[in-house]
Amino acid sequence: MKKALTILVCAAFALSASSCSFIDAYNSYTLENDITLGSSDASPATDADGGTVYTTAKNYKPDFTFSTTDRSGKAWDESIFNSYDLVMINFWEPWCSPCVSEMRDIERLYKNYKDRGVLIIGVYSDDSDESNVDTVLSYCGTTYPILHYTKDFDQFQSGYVPTTIFVDREGHVLKLPDGETSKIGAASYEDWVAIISSLL
């Protein structure tokens, strides 16, 4: 019933307000295992199976650090920034209809830009019903990485979701064309392309 309701809400509100307000939703997720993959002076980092994941330049000093896992349990941290020209981090929640309504466009963006030095990551905190998250991701055809929220992302709380930031290869949070460091609210594919083009 909950799954069906999620899909109906997504469809009904696809053109509704561009963001959702929340209170302490982000703080609801607490990472049980603090796993760090790579470091500021890392050689090629390796995953649990010993495979190379990415490399990090020496003296790498990003604007913020984080340590989390994706939904498969793979560890992620800030050294991922050093492997891409641009990383887009989209903070969303499965109960937020504007978040869900833009996910198909974000997926299209991911497919079109993943071979152009751009990585897109989704981050959510509400893990109270992972089957609901499964339903949303399946409904939207999402294949870009989806990570769990940790307190490391607290500085990017805007009071609304979706909120999106962009980080360059040096780990610096970039200013958008409007002078802000985050995009609050959902956007169309064309809007995202314009922002990415201005930052690359």
C-alpha atoms as a PDB file:
ATOM      1  CA  MET A   1       0.000   0.000   0.000  1.00  0.00           C
ATOM      2  CA  LYS A   2       2.810   2.366   0.927  1.00  0.00           C
ATOM      3  CA  LYS A   3       4.596   1.635  -2.351  1.00  0.00           C
ATOM      4  CA  ALA A   4       1.482   2.326  -4.378  1.00  0.00           C
ATOM      5  CA  LEU A   5       0.886   5.540  -2.442  1.00  0.00           C
ATOM      6  CA  THR A   6       4.440   6.713  -3.156  1.00  0.00           C
ATOM      7  CA  ILE A   7       3.998   6.240  -6.896  1.00  0.00           C
ATOM      8  CA  LEU A   8       0.615   7.981  -6.887  1.00  0.00           C
ATOM      9  CA  VAL A   9       1.976  10.925  -4.904  1.00  0.00           C
ATOM     10  CA  CYS A  10       4.969  11.203  -7.233  1.00  0.00           C
ATOM     11  CA  ALA A  11       2.764  11.267 -10.293  1.00  0.00           C
ATOM     12  CA  ALA A  12       0.189  13.627  -8.809  1.00  0.00           C
ATOM     13  CA  PHE A  13       2.714  16.172  -7.614  1.00  0.00           C
ATOM     14  CA  ALA A  14       5.300  16.023 -10.395  1.00  0.00           C
ATOM     15  CA  LEU A  15       4.531  19.641 -11.258  1.00  0.00           C
ATOM     16  CA  SER A  16       3.961  20.848  -7.710  1.00  0.00           C
ATOM     17  CA  ALA A  17       6.204  23.058  -5.558  1.00  0.00           C
ATOM     18  CA  SER A  18       9.889  22.740  -6.335  1.00  0.00           C
ATOM     19  CA  SER A  19      11.032  21.749  -2.831  1.00  0.00           C
ATOM     20  CA  CYS A  20       9.897  20.152   0.438  1.00  0.00           C
ATOM     21  CA  SER A  21      10.431  21.542   3.912  1.00  0.00           C
ATOM     22  CA  PHE A  22      11.575  19.273   6.703  1.00  0.00           C
ATOM     23  CA  ILE A  23      12.549  19.347  10.400  1.00  0.00           C
ATOM     24  CA  ASP A  24      15.520  17.267  11.504  1.00  0.00           C
ATOM     25  CA  ALA A  25      14.947  14.769   8.675  1.00  0.00           C
ATOM     26  CA  TYR A  26      18.617  14.748   7.848  1.00  0.00           C
ATOM     27  CA  ASN A  27      19.579  14.124  11.466  1.00  0.00           C
ATOM     28  CA  SER A  28      17.541  10.926  11.592  1.00  0.00           C
ATOM     29  CA  TYR A  29      20.296   8.901   9.962  1.00  0.00           C
ATOM     30  CA  THR A  30      23.290   7.824  12.067  1.00  0.00           C
ATOM     31  CA  LEU A  31      26.061   5.855  10.413  1.00  0.00           C
ATOM     32  CA  GLU A  32      26.871   2.772  12.486  1.00  0.00           C
ATOM     33  CA  ASN A  33      30.334   2.178  11.028  1.00  0.00           C
ATOM     34  CA  ASP A  34      32.640   5.102  10.394  1.00  0.00           C
ATOM     35  CA  ILE A  35      34.459   3.796   7.303  1.00  0.00           C
ATOM     36  CA  THR A  36      37.018   5.943   5.518  1.00  0.00           C
ATOM     37  CA  LEU A  37      38.233   5.031   2.062  1.00  0.00           C
ATOM     38  CA  GLY A  38      41.410   6.813   1.011  1.00  0.00           C
ATOM     39  CA  SER A  39      43.027   9.841   2.642  1.00  0.00           C
ATOM     40  CA  SER A  40      44.470  13.214   1.734  1.00  0.00           C
ATOM     41  CA  ASP A  41      47.800  11.648   0.771  1.00  0.00           C
ATOM     42  CA  ALA A  42      46.496   8.401  -0.630  1.00  0.00           C
ATOM     43  CA  SER A  43      47.991   6.256  -3.316  1.00  0.00           C
ATOM     44  CA  PRO A  44      45.351   4.378  -5.272  1.00  0.00           C
ATOM     45  CA  ALA A  45      42.589   3.596  -2.767  1.00  0.00           C
ATOM     46  CA  THR A  46      41.252   0.073  -2.636  1.00  0.00           C
ATOM     47  CA  ASP A  47      37.873  -1.366  -1.834  1.00  0.00           C
ATOM     48  CA  ALA A  48      37.156  -4.372   0.381  1.00  0.00           C
ATOM     49  CA  ASP A  49      38.143  -6.732  -2.438  1.00  0.00           C
ATOM     50  CA  GLY A  50      41.473  -5.006  -3.026  1.00  0.00           C
ATOM     51  CA  GLY A  51      40.413  -3.362  -6.294  1.00  0.00           C
ATOM     52  CA  THR A  52      41.556   0.144  -7.184  1.00  0.00           C
ATOM     53  CA  VAL A  53      38.799   2.703  -6.693  1.00  0.00           C
ATOM     54  CA  TYR A  54      40.367   6.116  -7.337  1.00  0.00           C
ATOM     55  CA  THR A  55      43.499   8.096  -6.582  1.00  0.00           C
ATOM     56  CA  THR A  56      43.943  11.230  -4.541  1.00  0.00           C
ATOM     57  CA  ALA A  57      46.513  13.931  -5.186  1.00  0.00           C
ATOM     58  CA  LYS A  58      49.013  14.829  -2.490  1.00  0.00           C
ATOM     59  CA  ASN A  59      48.202  17.925  -0.407  1.00  0.00           C
ATOM     60  CA  TYR A  60      44.553  17.541  -1.359  1.00  0.00           C
ATOM     61  CA  LYS A  61      42.506  19.845   0.897  1.00  0.00           C
ATOM     62  CA  PRO A  62      38.791  19.749   0.056  1.00  0.00           C
ATOM     63  CA  ASP A  63      36.298  22.188   1.568  1.00  0.00           C
ATOM     64  CA  PHE A  64      34.682  19.363   3.521  1.00  0.00           C
ATOM     65  CA  THR A  65      35.240  15.717   4.294  1.00  0.00           C
ATOM     66  CA  PHE A  66      32.735  12.903   4.587  1.00  0.00           C
ATOM     67  CA  SER A  67      32.607   9.187   5.174  1.00  0.00           C
ATOM     68  CA  THR A  68      29.583   7.099   4.281  1.00  0.00           C
ATOM     69  CA  THR A  69      28.403   4.090   2.309  1.00  0.00           C
ATOM     70  CA  ASP A  70      26.124   3.564  -0.633  1.00  0.00           C
ATOM     71  CA  ARG A  71      23.127   1.254  -0.489  1.00  0.00           C
ATOM     72  CA  SER A  72      25.326  -1.715  -1.379  1.00  0.00           C
ATOM     73  CA  GLY A  73      27.662  -1.053   1.537  1.00  0.00           C
ATOM     74  CA  LYS A  74      30.536   0.345  -0.548  1.00  0.00           C
ATOM     75  CA  ALA A  75      32.520   3.039   1.268  1.00  0.00           C
ATOM     76  CA  TRP A  76      32.690   6.585  -0.122  1.00  0.00           C
ATOM     77  CA  ASP A  77      34.601   9.660   1.019  1.00  0.00           C
ATOM     78  CA  GLU A  78      35.759  13.084  -0.179  1.00  0.00           C
ATOM     79  CA  SER A  79      38.670  11.709  -2.196  1.00  0.00           C
ATOM     80  CA  ILE A  80      36.166  10.845  -4.925  1.00  0.00           C
ATOM     81  CA  PHE A  81      36.155  14.558  -5.877  1.00  0.00           C
ATOM     82  CA  ASN A  82      39.726  14.299  -7.125  1.00  0.00           C
ATOM     83  CA  SER A  83      38.680  11.820  -9.825  1.00  0.00           C
ATOM     84  CA  TYR A  84      36.141  14.059 -11.580  1.00  0.00           C
ATOM     85  CA  ASP A  85      36.036  17.553 -13.038  1.00  0.00           C
ATOM     86  CA  LEU A  86      32.688  18.082 -11.349  1.00  0.00           C
ATOM     87  CA  VAL A  87      30.628  16.225  -8.750  1.00  0.00           C
ATOM     88  CA  MET A  88      26.945  17.047  -8.345  1.00  0.00           C
ATOM     89  CA  ILE A  89      25.490  16.073  -4.947  1.00  0.00           C
ATOM     90  CA  ASN A  90      21.705  16.026  -4.825  1.00  0.00           C
ATOM     91  CA  PHE A  91      20.162  15.819  -1.335  1.00  0.00           C
ATOM     92  CA  TRP A  92      16.706  14.268  -1.580  1.00  0.00           C
ATOM     93  CA  GLU A  93      14.156  12.253   0.407  1.00  0.00           C
ATOM     94  CA  PRO A  94      11.817   9.466  -0.761  1.00  0.00           C
ATOM     95  CA  TRP A  95       8.767  11.281   0.680  1.00  0.00           C
ATOM     96  CA  CYS A  96       9.498  14.504  -1.239  1.00  0.00           C
ATOM     97  CA  SER A  97       7.512  14.689  -4.477  1.00  0.00           C
ATOM     98  CA  PRO A  98       9.634  17.466  -6.080  1.00  0.00           C
ATOM     99  CA  CYS A  99      12.731  15.368  -5.327  1.00  0.00           C
ATOM    100  CA  VAL A 100      11.237  12.329  -7.004  1.00  0.00           C
ATOM    101  CA  SER A 101       9.817  14.330  -9.913  1.00  0.00           C
ATOM    102  CA  GLU A 102      13.287  15.496 -11.004  1.00  0.00           C
ATOM    103  CA  MET A 103      15.055  12.161 -10.599  1.00  0.00           C
ATOM    104  CA  ARG A 104      14.337  10.989 -14.139  1.00  0.00           C
ATOM    105  CA  ASP A 105      15.958  14.175 -15.482  1.00  0.00           C
ATOM    106  CA  ILE A 106      18.913  13.681 -13.131  1.00  0.00           C
ATOM    107  CA  GLU A 107      19.256  10.098 -14.387  1.00  0.00           C
ATOM    108  CA  ARG A 108      19.271  11.375 -17.971  1.00  0.00           C
ATOM    109  CA  LEU A 109      21.907  13.926 -16.953  1.00  0.00           C
ATOM    110  CA  TYR A 110      23.993  11.184 -15.334  1.00  0.00           C
ATOM    111  CA  LYS A 111      23.930   9.037 -18.453  1.00  0.00           C
ATOM    112  CA  ASN A 112      24.821  11.940 -20.721  1.00  0.00           C
ATOM    113  CA  TYR A 113      27.638  13.361 -18.568  1.00  0.00           C
ATOM    114  CA  LYS A 114      29.226  10.391 -16.789  1.00  0.00           C
ATOM    115  CA  ASP A 115      31.799  10.049 -19.583  1.00  0.00           C
ATOM    116  CA  ARG A 116      32.531  13.782 -19.590  1.00  0.00           C
ATOM    117  CA  GLY A 117      34.171  14.019 -16.172  1.00  0.00           C
ATOM    118  CA  VAL A 118      30.941  14.577 -14.251  1.00  0.00           C
ATOM    119  CA  LEU A 119      29.714  12.391 -11.381  1.00  0.00           C
ATOM    120  CA  ILE A 120      26.210  12.660  -9.945  1.00  0.00           C
ATOM    121  CA  ILE A 121      25.477  11.405  -6.434  1.00  0.00           C
ATOM    122  CA  GLY A 122      22.165  11.267  -4.591  1.00  0.00           C
ATOM    123  CA  VAL A 123      22.147  11.471  -0.767  1.00  0.00           C
ATOM    124  CA  TYR A 124      19.156  10.683   1.454  1.00  0.00           C
ATOM    125  CA  SER A 125      18.661  10.396   5.227  1.00  0.00           C
ATOM    126  CA  ASP A 126      15.244   8.818   5.718  1.00  0.00           C
ATOM    127  CA  ASP A 127      16.025   5.120   5.992  1.00  0.00           C
ATOM    128  CA  SER A 128      12.905   4.280   7.993  1.00  0.00           C
ATOM    129  CA  ASP A 129      11.546   2.235   5.092  1.00  0.00           C
ATOM    130  CA  GLU A 130      14.214   1.087   2.649  1.00  0.00           C
ATOM    131  CA  SER A 131      11.605  -0.744   0.570  1.00  0.00           C
ATOM    132  CA  ASN A 132      10.037   2.654  -0.104  1.00  0.00           C
ATOM    133  CA  VAL A 133      13.416   3.918  -1.331  1.00  0.00           C
ATOM    134  CA  ASP A 134      13.674   0.822  -3.533  1.00  0.00           C
ATOM    135  CA  THR A 135      10.293   1.649  -5.024  1.00  0.00           C
ATOM    136  CA  VAL A 136      11.244   5.262  -5.776  1.00  0.00           C
ATOM    137  CA  LEU A 137      14.572   4.319  -7.362  1.00  0.00           C
ATOM    138  CA  SER A 138      12.918   1.629  -9.464  1.00  0.00           C
ATOM    139  CA  TYR A 139      10.093   3.958 -10.489  1.00  0.00           C
ATOM    140  CA  CYS A 140      12.597   6.629 -11.567  1.00  0.00           C
ATOM    141  CA  GLY A 141      15.042   4.215 -13.219  1.00  0.00           C
ATOM    142  CA  THR A 142      17.856   5.565 -11.049  1.00  0.00           C
ATOM    143  CA  THR A 143      21.343   4.138 -11.669  1.00  0.00           C
ATOM    144  CA  TYR A 144      23.576   6.941 -10.325  1.00  0.00           C
ATOM    145  CA  PRO A 145      25.145   6.315  -6.890  1.00  0.00           C
ATOM    146  CA  ILE A 146      22.826   6.751  -3.915  1.00  0.00           C
ATOM    147  CA  LEU A 147      24.555   7.358  -0.578  1.00  0.00           C
ATOM    148  CA  HIS A 148      23.410   7.466   3.036  1.00  0.00           C
ATOM    149  CA  TYR A 149      23.384  10.836   4.772  1.00  0.00           C
ATOM    150  CA  THR A 150      25.792  11.448   7.672  1.00  0.00           C
ATOM    151  CA  LYS A 151      26.424  14.448   9.913  1.00  0.00           C
ATOM    152  CA  ASP A 152      29.340  15.342   7.611  1.00  0.00           C
ATOM    153  CA  PHE A 153      26.741  16.853   5.269  1.00  0.00           C
ATOM    154  CA  ASP A 154      25.048  18.971   7.946  1.00  0.00           C
ATOM    155  CA  GLN A 155      26.571  22.208   6.640  1.00  0.00           C
ATOM    156  CA  PHE A 156      24.531  21.837   3.453  1.00  0.00           C
ATOM    157  CA  GLN A 157      21.139  21.668   5.156  1.00  0.00           C
ATOM    158  CA  SER A 158      18.978  24.381   3.671  1.00  0.00           C
ATOM    159  CA  GLY A 159      15.730  23.464   5.392  1.00  0.00           C
ATOM    160  CA  TYR A 160      14.409  22.129   2.094  1.00  0.00           C
ATOM    161  CA  VAL A 161      14.889  19.194  -0.236  1.00  0.00           C
ATOM    162  CA  PRO A 162      15.958  18.821  -2.898  1.00  0.00           C
ATOM    163  CA  THR A 163      19.111  20.838  -2.326  1.00  0.00           C
ATOM    164  CA  THR A 164      22.031  20.384  -4.699  1.00  0.00           C
ATOM    165  CA  ILE A 165      25.689  21.389  -4.541  1.00  0.00           C
ATOM    166  CA  PHE A 166      28.563  21.110  -7.004  1.00  0.00           C
ATOM    167  CA  VAL A 167      32.157  20.291  -6.096  1.00  0.00           C
ATOM    168  CA  ASP A 168      35.214  20.580  -8.348  1.00  0.00           C
ATOM    169  CA  ARG A 169      38.257  18.299  -8.666  1.00  0.00           C
ATOM    170  CA  GLU A 170      40.030  20.163  -5.857  1.00  0.00           C
ATOM    171  CA  GLY A 171      37.124  19.512  -3.512  1.00  0.00           C
ATOM    172  CA  HIS A 172      35.878  23.106  -3.532  1.00  0.00           C
ATOM    173  CA  VAL A 173      32.142  23.796  -3.341  1.00  0.00           C
ATOM    174  CA  LEU A 174      31.394  25.972  -6.357  1.00  0.00           C
ATOM    175  CA  LYS A 175      29.277  29.075  -6.674  1.00  0.00           C
ATOM    176  CA  LEU A 176      26.405  28.735  -9.131  1.00  0.00           C
ATOM    177  CA  PRO A 177      25.555  31.308 -11.808  1.00  0.00           C
ATOM    178  CA  ASP A 178      23.238  33.076  -9.343  1.00  0.00           C
ATOM    179  CA  GLY A 179      26.070  33.459  -6.826  1.00  0.00           C
ATOM    180  CA  GLU A 180      24.723  30.870  -4.394  1.00  0.00           C
ATOM    181  CA  THR A 181      26.608  27.728  -3.395  1.00  0.00           C
ATOM    182  CA  SER A 182      23.539  25.507  -3.549  1.00  0.00           C
ATOM    183  CA  LYS A 183      20.490  25.045  -5.740  1.00  0.00           C
ATOM    184  CA  ILE A 184      17.370  24.748  -3.605  1.00  0.00           C
ATOM    185  CA  GLY A 185      14.429  23.082  -5.292  1.00  0.00           C
ATOM    186  CA  ALA A 186      13.923  20.823  -8.278  1.00  0.00           C
ATOM    187  CA  ALA A 187      15.115  21.742 -11.757  1.00  0.00           C
ATOM    188  CA  SER A 188      14.543  20.552 -15.316  1.00  0.00           C
ATOM    189  CA  TYR A 189      17.090  18.695 -17.411  1.00  0.00           C
ATOM    190  CA  GLU A 190      17.740  21.859 -19.411  1.00  0.00           C
ATOM    191  CA  ASP A 191      18.324  23.881 -16.228  1.00  0.00           C
ATOM    192  CA  TRP A 192      20.839  21.327 -14.951  1.00  0.00           C
ATOM    193  CA  VAL A 193      22.650  21.293 -18.297  1.00  0.00           C
ATOM    194  CA  ALA A 194      22.948  25.086 -18.165  1.00  0.00           C
ATOM    195  CA  ILE A 195      24.397  24.966 -14.646  1.00  0.00           C
ATOM    196  CA  ILE A 196      26.847  22.178 -15.436  1.00  0.00           C
ATOM    197  CA  SER A 197      27.972  23.908 -18.639  1.00  0.00           C
ATOM    198  CA  SER A 198      28.705  27.080 -16.680  1.00  0.00           C
ATOM    199  CA  LEU A 199      30.826  25.186 -14.140  1.00  0.00           C
ATOM    200  CA  LEU A 200      32.885  22.940 -16.417  1.00  0.00           C
END
